[in-house]
Amino acid sequence: MTTTETIDELQQSRVAAIDNSGWGRSFAFYQPRNAAFWVYLLLVASGILTFFAMLATSSGAYGRAIAVAAVSFTVYGAVFWWFTRHIDRYARQPVKLIVVAFLWGGFAATWVMAATANDALLALYAKVFGQAWSLDWGAGLAAPSTEEVAKGIGLLLLVSLAPRLVRTAFDGFILGAFLGLGFQIIEDIVYALNSAGSQFGANQVEAAMSTVWLRMATGVTAHVLYSAIFCAGLVYLMGRPGEPRRAGRGLALMACAMLLHGVWDSAGAITRGNGALMLLMIVAMILVGLYVVVRVFKMTVPREREYLRHVMAPEVANGVITDAELEAMCGDRKARRAFRKAPATHHERKRAGFVLEAAGDLADELAGSRGTDTGRVEFARSEVRRIRAGVPSANP
């Protein structure tokens, strides 16, 4: 096999990887000929109107508590947003699609779907099993199914709106996290508002902040985690062009997310109000939840790394990046850290990190051009070479 033939094959693999992953595709929200667009628009708009109507009726009495809760959870949500975008380092989803996912989770999944379904199920449980049983176990047996399914329906709509972007279980994991983030932020604001009224409006800010701190402390293993796991499982269950169907794995992950959610919501009933046991169970559930979500991340991310390898392999053949740089790009956090620490001096270690960042920018440009050597791609290549050589930038 000649060198030319090898490069041609690498180029073909690159284009196939870009097409299969959906990397670099844009997203157009306005799709008037797509029924999913109208379903999404109707339900999200209905949820927004319901939520702000509720805030409007409460703002006179609890305006300060609402403001404090909204600001606190906005900052808290921004941290989760940054972290989730940070781990989405491979075929990144467009910001517009992320916002669409967030809004569905915050307004449609909560107010239009889950709240209505939860109320109906809790009323049914009370009639069949009694009010006391429903208060103890109702939330744990209602919310996991209604809320996870409501967020999962959001992912199905996103697949219909952006079929070329939602291609792998990792895409489901990331979008699920943002669906859950929207749900969590809006739900937490409502919980804080309810706490503000617990003393008939007296000390409303202090009462709301007690809920804010509690929800922040335990939020690391709440809706963001559940729906990331659930939606990764949903993609496995469906199968996508970039992810072969694995129904068993998909059902197992979806069931796992609902089980984690159900046990968390039933903690009070399980511990029978024992404060020490409740604290122990909360800590255990946080640790278990983090362990599971890390395992699911490690399960879903290899396909993304494989696509990245195919996209960047021709750059190794052409001498733009080295084998070591490619291995670091496609490796895990440990591999990237080892690559950055390998050089002898501090300056060279910093440069190694900048080279990886520039190579990542090059991968984005290649995906956006579908492997074509555009001006932006050539500039990105020149930046990799410049940074490696230690040449200062010509820009001021």
Protein backbone atom coordinates (compact mmCIF):
# COMPACT_ATOMS: atom_id res chain seq x y z
CA MET A 1 0.00 0.00 0.00
CA THR A 2 1.46 3.40 -0.99
CA THR A 3 1.57 6.47 1.22
CA THR A 4 -1.02 8.16 -1.02
CA GLU A 5 -3.40 5.26 -0.62
CA THR A 6 -2.94 5.34 3.15
CA ILE A 7 -3.73 9.06 3.35
CA ASP A 8 -6.76 8.59 1.10
CA GLU A 9 -8.08 5.89 3.39
CA LEU A 10 -7.49 8.08 6.44
CA GLN A 11 -9.37 10.92 4.75
CA GLN A 12 -12.30 8.60 4.00
CA SER A 13 -12.34 7.43 7.62
CA ARG A 14 -12.29 11.07 8.71
CA VAL A 15 -15.33 11.98 6.62
CA ALA A 16 -17.19 8.87 7.80
CA ALA A 17 -16.44 9.74 11.44
CA ILE A 18 -17.64 13.33 10.99
CA ASP A 19 -20.86 12.14 9.32
CA ASN A 20 -21.54 9.41 11.88
CA SER A 21 -20.88 11.64 14.88
CA GLY A 22 -22.71 14.72 13.62
CA TRP A 23 -19.70 16.78 14.70
CA GLY A 24 -19.69 20.28 13.30
CA ARG A 25 -23.34 20.27 12.26
CA SER A 26 -25.38 23.39 12.92
CA PHE A 27 -28.82 23.41 14.53
CA ALA A 28 -31.87 25.32 13.28
CA PHE A 29 -34.62 25.49 15.90
CA TYR A 30 -37.33 26.95 13.65
CA GLN A 31 -38.74 23.99 11.73
CA PRO A 32 -42.38 24.78 10.90
CA ARG A 33 -42.80 21.57 8.85
CA ASN A 34 -41.65 19.39 11.71
CA ALA A 35 -44.41 18.32 14.12
CA ALA A 36 -41.83 17.95 16.90
CA PHE A 37 -41.16 21.70 16.67
CA TRP A 38 -44.80 22.55 17.40
CA VAL A 39 -45.10 20.00 20.20
CA TYR A 40 -41.97 21.40 21.80
CA LEU A 41 -43.08 25.02 21.36
CA LEU A 42 -46.58 24.42 22.74
CA LEU A 43 -45.47 22.54 25.85
CA VAL A 44 -42.51 24.77 26.72
CA ALA A 45 -44.58 27.94 26.21
CA SER A 46 -47.34 26.49 28.39
CA GLY A 47 -44.84 25.66 31.10
CA ILE A 48 -43.28 29.13 30.98
CA LEU A 49 -46.69 30.80 31.31
CA THR A 50 -47.65 28.53 34.22
CA PHE A 51 -44.38 29.10 36.06
CA PHE A 52 -44.32 32.88 35.74
CA ALA A 53 -48.01 33.15 36.57
CA MET A 54 -47.25 31.31 39.81
CA LEU A 55 -44.34 33.66 40.53
CA ALA A 56 -46.51 36.69 39.77
CA THR A 57 -49.14 35.65 42.32
CA SER A 58 -46.46 35.11 44.97
CA SER A 59 -44.15 38.04 44.22
CA GLY A 60 -46.07 40.51 46.36
CA ALA A 61 -45.67 38.47 49.53
CA TYR A 62 -42.45 36.61 48.80
CA GLY A 63 -40.61 38.81 46.30
CA ARG A 64 -37.37 38.90 48.28
CA ALA A 65 -37.27 35.13 48.71
CA ILE A 66 -37.95 34.61 45.01
CA ALA A 67 -35.14 37.00 44.06
CA VAL A 68 -32.62 35.40 46.41
CA ALA A 69 -33.53 31.89 45.27
CA ALA A 70 -33.43 32.83 41.58
CA VAL A 71 -30.00 34.46 41.86
CA SER A 72 -28.56 31.66 44.00
CA PHE A 73 -29.72 28.87 41.74
CA THR A 74 -28.71 30.76 38.61
CA VAL A 75 -25.13 30.92 39.87
CA TYR A 76 -25.33 27.29 40.98
CA GLY A 77 -26.72 26.27 37.61
CA ALA A 78 -23.97 28.20 35.81
CA VAL A 79 -21.36 26.07 37.60
CA PHE A 80 -23.10 22.87 36.51
CA TRP A 81 -23.42 24.29 32.98
CA TRP A 82 -19.69 25.05 32.82
CA PHE A 83 -18.71 21.62 34.13
CA THR A 84 -21.01 19.74 31.75
CA ARG A 85 -19.76 21.76 28.78
CA HIS A 86 -16.21 21.12 29.96
CA ILE A 87 -16.57 17.33 29.82
CA ASP A 88 -18.24 17.61 26.38
CA ARG A 89 -14.85 18.01 24.72
CA TYR A 90 -15.45 15.70 21.75
CA ALA A 91 -18.18 16.44 19.08
CA ARG A 92 -19.61 19.31 21.08
CA GLN A 93 -23.30 20.03 20.86
CA PRO A 94 -24.27 23.52 19.60
CA VAL A 95 -25.16 25.97 22.37
CA LYS A 96 -28.56 26.53 20.75
CA LEU A 97 -29.43 22.84 21.13
CA ILE A 98 -28.21 22.88 24.75
CA VAL A 99 -30.53 25.83 25.49
CA VAL A 100 -33.44 24.02 23.86
CA ALA A 101 -32.77 21.00 26.10
CA PHE A 102 -32.50 23.19 29.20
CA LEU A 103 -35.81 24.94 28.51
CA TRP A 104 -37.65 21.65 27.97
CA GLY A 105 -36.37 20.31 31.28
CA GLY A 106 -37.15 23.53 33.12
CA PHE A 107 -40.65 24.25 31.88
CA ALA A 108 -42.26 21.45 29.86
CA ALA A 109 -41.00 18.43 31.79
CA THR A 110 -41.77 20.06 35.13
CA TRP A 111 -45.01 22.04 34.92
CA VAL A 112 -46.78 20.52 31.96
CA MET A 113 -45.91 16.85 32.37
CA ALA A 114 -44.38 15.71 35.65
CA ALA A 115 -46.36 17.94 38.01
CA THR A 116 -49.69 16.87 36.51
CA ALA A 117 -48.75 13.19 36.47
CA ASN A 118 -47.35 13.30 40.02
CA ASP A 119 -50.52 14.88 41.40
CA ALA A 120 -52.67 12.24 39.71
CA LEU A 121 -50.54 9.34 40.98
CA LEU A 122 -50.34 10.70 44.54
CA ALA A 123 -54.11 11.10 44.64
CA LEU A 124 -54.50 7.55 43.36
CA TYR A 125 -52.05 6.18 45.94
CA ALA A 126 -53.90 7.99 48.74
CA LYS A 127 -57.23 6.48 47.69
CA VAL A 128 -55.86 2.95 47.29
CA PHE A 129 -53.29 2.71 50.11
CA GLY A 130 -54.25 5.53 52.46
CA GLN A 131 -53.01 9.07 53.05
CA ALA A 132 -50.23 8.10 55.48
CA TRP A 133 -48.75 5.53 53.10
CA SER A 134 -48.95 7.98 50.21
CA LEU A 135 -47.10 10.66 52.19
CA ASP A 136 -44.32 8.19 53.02
CA TRP A 137 -43.88 6.34 49.75
CA GLY A 138 -45.84 8.25 47.11
CA ALA A 139 -43.05 10.56 45.93
CA GLY A 140 -40.54 7.73 45.66
CA LEU A 141 -42.91 5.63 43.56
CA ALA A 142 -44.30 8.44 41.39
CA ALA A 143 -41.50 10.90 40.60
CA PRO A 144 -38.89 8.48 39.21
CA SER A 145 -41.16 7.31 36.41
CA THR A 146 -43.04 10.51 35.64
CA GLU A 147 -40.08 12.89 35.82
CA GLU A 148 -37.51 10.73 34.06
CA VAL A 149 -39.98 9.87 31.31
CA ALA A 150 -40.88 13.57 30.93
CA LYS A 151 -37.21 14.44 30.46
CA GLY A 152 -36.75 11.43 28.18
CA ILE A 153 -39.57 12.68 25.96
CA GLY A 154 -37.56 15.88 25.66
CA LEU A 155 -34.64 13.87 24.31
CA LEU A 156 -36.93 12.17 21.78
CA LEU A 157 -38.04 15.59 20.58
CA LEU A 158 -34.42 16.70 20.31
CA VAL A 159 -33.69 13.62 18.19
CA SER A 160 -36.57 14.65 15.92
CA LEU A 161 -35.39 18.27 15.77
CA ALA A 162 -31.68 17.48 15.38
CA PRO A 163 -31.30 13.94 14.04
CA ARG A 164 -27.81 14.69 12.69
CA LEU A 165 -26.59 15.92 16.07
CA VAL A 166 -27.96 13.35 18.53
CA ARG A 167 -26.00 10.33 17.32
CA THR A 168 -24.41 8.54 20.27
CA ALA A 169 -25.12 7.53 23.86
CA PHE A 170 -22.64 10.22 24.91
CA ASP A 171 -24.84 12.79 23.16
CA GLY A 172 -27.75 11.45 25.18
CA PHE A 173 -25.64 11.68 28.34
CA ILE A 174 -24.74 15.35 27.74
CA LEU A 175 -28.19 16.47 26.57
CA GLY A 176 -29.79 14.51 29.40
CA ALA A 177 -27.62 16.40 31.87
CA PHE A 178 -28.91 19.71 30.51
CA LEU A 179 -32.51 18.47 30.50
CA GLY A 180 -31.99 17.59 34.15
CA LEU A 181 -30.29 20.89 34.91
CA GLY A 182 -33.29 22.84 33.65
CA PHE A 183 -35.65 20.64 35.67
CA GLN A 184 -33.52 20.96 38.80
CA ILE A 185 -33.10 24.75 38.72
CA ILE A 186 -36.81 25.49 38.29
CA GLU A 187 -37.83 22.85 40.82
CA ASP A 188 -35.36 24.21 43.38
CA ILE A 189 -36.71 27.75 42.98
CA VAL A 190 -40.21 26.44 43.70
CA TYR A 191 -38.98 24.54 46.78
CA ALA A 192 -37.33 27.70 48.07
CA LEU A 193 -40.54 29.66 47.47
CA ASN A 194 -42.56 27.08 49.39
CA SER A 195 -40.09 27.33 52.29
CA ALA A 196 -40.46 31.11 52.32
CA GLY A 197 -44.15 30.68 53.16
CA SER A 198 -43.55 28.14 55.92
CA GLN A 199 -43.61 30.88 58.60
CA PHE A 200 -46.39 32.91 56.98
CA GLY A 201 -43.86 35.20 55.34
CA ALA A 202 -41.79 35.94 58.46
CA ASN A 203 -38.05 35.45 57.96
CA GLN A 204 -38.81 34.48 54.36
CA VAL A 205 -35.26 34.98 53.10
CA GLU A 206 -33.74 32.92 55.92
CA ALA A 207 -36.32 30.18 55.40
CA ALA A 208 -35.75 30.16 51.65
CA MET A 209 -31.96 30.12 52.06
CA SER A 210 -32.11 27.05 54.30
CA THR A 211 -33.72 25.22 51.38
CA VAL A 212 -31.29 26.78 48.91
CA TRP A 213 -28.26 25.49 50.86
CA LEU A 214 -29.79 22.05 51.31
CA ARG A 215 -30.66 21.71 47.62
CA MET A 216 -27.22 22.92 46.60
CA ALA A 217 -25.50 20.46 48.93
CA THR A 218 -27.48 17.49 47.62
CA GLY A 219 -27.98 18.68 44.04
CA VAL A 220 -24.81 17.01 42.78
CA THR A 221 -26.73 13.72 42.67
CA ALA A 222 -30.14 15.01 41.64
CA HIS A 223 -31.84 15.53 38.28
CA VAL A 224 -28.67 16.32 36.34
CA LEU A 225 -27.26 12.93 37.25
CA TYR A 226 -30.51 10.96 36.87
CA SER A 227 -31.41 12.24 33.44
CA ALA A 228 -27.83 11.96 32.12
CA ILE A 229 -27.94 8.24 32.96
CA PHE A 230 -31.54 7.81 31.78
CA CYS A 231 -31.00 9.56 28.44
CA ALA A 232 -27.77 7.67 27.74
CA GLY A 233 -29.80 4.50 28.27
CA LEU A 234 -32.57 5.79 26.03
CA VAL A 235 -30.12 6.25 23.14
CA TYR A 236 -28.79 2.72 23.68
CA LEU A 237 -32.39 1.47 23.66
CA MET A 238 -33.26 3.27 20.43
CA GLY A 239 -29.97 2.91 18.60
CA ARG A 240 -28.64 5.73 16.46
CA PRO A 241 -26.44 5.93 13.33
CA GLY A 242 -23.41 6.54 15.53
CA GLU A 243 -24.43 4.08 18.27
CA PRO A 244 -25.52 0.48 17.66
CA ARG A 245 -28.69 -0.54 19.48
CA ARG A 246 -28.11 -2.27 22.81
CA ALA A 247 -31.58 -2.68 24.29
CA GLY A 248 -30.48 -4.56 27.40
CA ARG A 249 -27.90 -1.96 28.35
CA GLY A 250 -30.34 0.84 27.61
CA LEU A 251 -33.11 -0.61 29.79
CA ALA A 252 -30.62 -1.30 32.59
CA LEU A 253 -29.39 2.31 32.61
CA MET A 254 -32.91 3.73 32.50
CA ALA A 255 -33.98 1.45 35.36
CA CYS A 256 -30.85 2.40 37.31
CA ALA A 257 -31.65 6.12 36.99
CA MET A 258 -35.21 5.57 38.20
CA LEU A 259 -34.00 3.38 41.07
CA LEU A 260 -31.52 6.01 42.25
CA HIS A 261 -34.23 8.66 42.01
CA GLY A 262 -36.79 6.50 43.82
CA VAL A 263 -34.51 5.55 46.70
CA TRP A 264 -33.53 9.20 47.16
CA ASP A 265 -37.15 10.36 47.30
CA SER A 266 -38.02 7.52 49.71
CA ALA A 267 -35.14 8.20 52.12
CA GLY A 268 -37.46 9.55 54.82
CA ALA A 269 -39.71 6.50 54.71
CA ILE A 270 -36.78 4.07 54.57
CA THR A 271 -35.03 5.61 57.60
CA ARG A 272 -38.33 6.19 59.47
CA GLY A 273 -37.29 9.70 60.43
CA ASN A 274 -34.04 8.69 62.16
CA GLY A 275 -31.81 11.74 61.69
CA ALA A 276 -28.46 9.96 61.94
CA LEU A 277 -29.58 7.16 59.65
CA MET A 278 -30.97 9.71 57.21
CA LEU A 279 -27.64 11.55 57.07
CA LEU A 280 -25.78 8.29 56.55
CA MET A 281 -28.14 7.29 53.77
CA ILE A 282 -27.80 10.67 52.03
CA VAL A 283 -24.00 10.40 52.04
CA ALA A 284 -24.19 6.82 50.77
CA MET A 285 -26.61 7.78 47.99
CA ILE A 286 -24.39 10.66 46.89
CA LEU A 287 -21.37 8.36 46.70
CA VAL A 288 -23.31 5.65 44.86
CA GLY A 289 -24.78 8.19 42.43
CA LEU A 290 -21.37 9.67 41.64
CA TYR A 291 -19.89 6.21 41.14
CA VAL A 292 -22.67 5.23 38.73
CA VAL A 293 -22.53 8.43 36.68
CA VAL A 294 -18.74 8.17 36.33
CA ARG A 295 -19.12 4.59 35.14
CA VAL A 296 -21.74 5.65 32.59
CA PHE A 297 -19.47 8.47 31.39
CA LYS A 298 -16.63 5.97 30.92
CA MET A 299 -19.05 3.62 29.13
CA THR A 300 -20.27 6.20 26.62
CA VAL A 301 -17.20 8.35 25.91
CA PRO A 302 -14.95 5.81 24.07
CA ARG A 303 -17.01 6.09 20.88
CA GLU A 304 -16.48 9.88 20.91
CA ARG A 305 -12.75 9.38 21.36
CA GLU A 306 -12.76 6.92 18.47
CA TYR A 307 -14.39 9.52 16.23
CA LEU A 308 -11.82 12.11 17.32
CA ARG A 309 -9.01 9.68 16.47
CA HIS A 310 -10.39 9.20 12.95
CA VAL A 311 -10.77 12.96 12.47
CA MET A 312 -7.20 13.72 13.54
CA ALA A 313 -5.33 10.67 12.17
CA PRO A 314 -4.63 12.35 8.78
CA GLU A 315 -3.01 15.23 10.67
CA VAL A 316 -0.50 12.77 12.14
CA ALA A 317 0.22 11.37 8.68
CA ASN A 318 0.76 14.91 7.37
CA GLY A 319 3.02 15.85 10.28
CA VAL A 320 0.72 18.49 11.77
CA ILE A 321 0.45 16.73 15.14
CA THR A 322 2.50 13.92 16.63
CA ASP A 323 1.44 10.44 17.69
CA ALA A 324 1.90 11.46 21.32
CA GLU A 325 -0.38 14.47 20.86
CA LEU A 326 -3.04 12.32 19.21
CA GLU A 327 -2.89 9.80 22.06
CA ALA A 328 -3.27 12.61 24.60
CA MET A 329 -6.20 14.13 22.71
CA CYS A 330 -8.02 10.80 22.50
CA GLY A 331 -7.08 9.66 25.98
CA ASP A 332 -8.67 10.25 29.34
CA ARG A 333 -7.83 12.94 31.89
CA LYS A 334 -4.91 10.89 33.18
CA ALA A 335 -3.40 10.59 29.70
CA ARG A 336 -3.71 14.32 29.04
CA ARG A 337 -2.15 15.15 32.39
CA ALA A 338 0.76 12.79 31.72
CA PHE A 339 1.36 14.41 28.33
CA ARG A 340 1.38 17.91 29.82
CA LYS A 341 3.76 16.90 32.61
CA ALA A 342 6.21 15.04 30.37
CA PRO A 343 8.35 18.07 29.28
CA ALA A 344 11.28 18.99 31.51
CA THR A 345 10.53 22.67 32.18
CA HIS A 346 7.46 24.54 33.37
CA HIS A 347 7.39 26.64 30.21
CA GLU A 348 7.44 23.56 27.99
CA ARG A 349 4.68 21.92 30.06
CA LYS A 350 2.47 24.98 29.58
CA ARG A 351 3.24 24.92 25.87
CA ALA A 352 2.23 21.24 25.67
CA GLY A 353 -1.16 22.13 27.13
CA PHE A 354 -1.59 24.97 24.63
CA VAL A 355 -0.72 22.59 21.78
CA LEU A 356 -3.51 20.23 22.87
CA GLU A 357 -5.96 23.13 22.99
CA ALA A 358 -4.93 24.28 19.51
CA ALA A 359 -5.23 20.72 18.20
CA GLY A 360 -8.74 20.58 19.66
CA ASP A 361 -9.61 23.79 17.82
CA LEU A 362 -8.24 22.23 14.64
CA ALA A 363 -10.49 19.19 15.15
CA ASP A 364 -13.51 21.49 15.49
CA GLU A 365 -12.60 23.31 12.28
CA LEU A 366 -12.09 20.04 10.40
CA ALA A 367 -15.47 18.77 11.58
CA GLY A 368 -17.15 22.02 10.56
CA SER A 369 -15.64 21.82 7.06
CA ARG A 370 -16.31 18.06 6.80
CA GLY A 371 -12.59 17.47 6.34
CA THR A 372 -12.12 20.08 3.62
CA ASP A 373 -8.97 22.23 3.73
CA THR A 374 -10.60 25.63 4.16
CA GLY A 375 -8.86 28.83 5.17
CA ARG A 376 -9.99 28.36 8.76
CA VAL A 377 -8.58 24.84 8.81
CA GLU A 378 -5.23 26.01 7.44
CA PHE A 379 -5.09 28.77 10.03
CA ALA A 380 -5.82 26.26 12.81
CA ARG A 381 -3.01 24.05 11.51
CA SER A 382 -0.62 26.98 11.45
CA GLU A 383 -1.56 27.77 15.07
CA VAL A 384 -0.64 24.23 16.17
CA ARG A 385 2.75 24.55 14.48
CA ARG A 386 3.32 28.07 15.83
CA ILE A 387 2.55 27.14 19.43
CA ARG A 388 4.69 24.01 19.29
CA ALA A 389 7.60 26.07 17.91
CA GLY A 390 7.13 28.72 20.59
CA VAL A 391 6.64 31.54 18.07
CA PRO A 392 4.72 34.51 19.53
CA SER A 393 1.38 35.30 17.99
CA ALA A 394 1.29 38.06 15.39
CA ASN A 395 -1.96 39.39 16.93
CA PRO A 396 -1.55 42.03 19.60
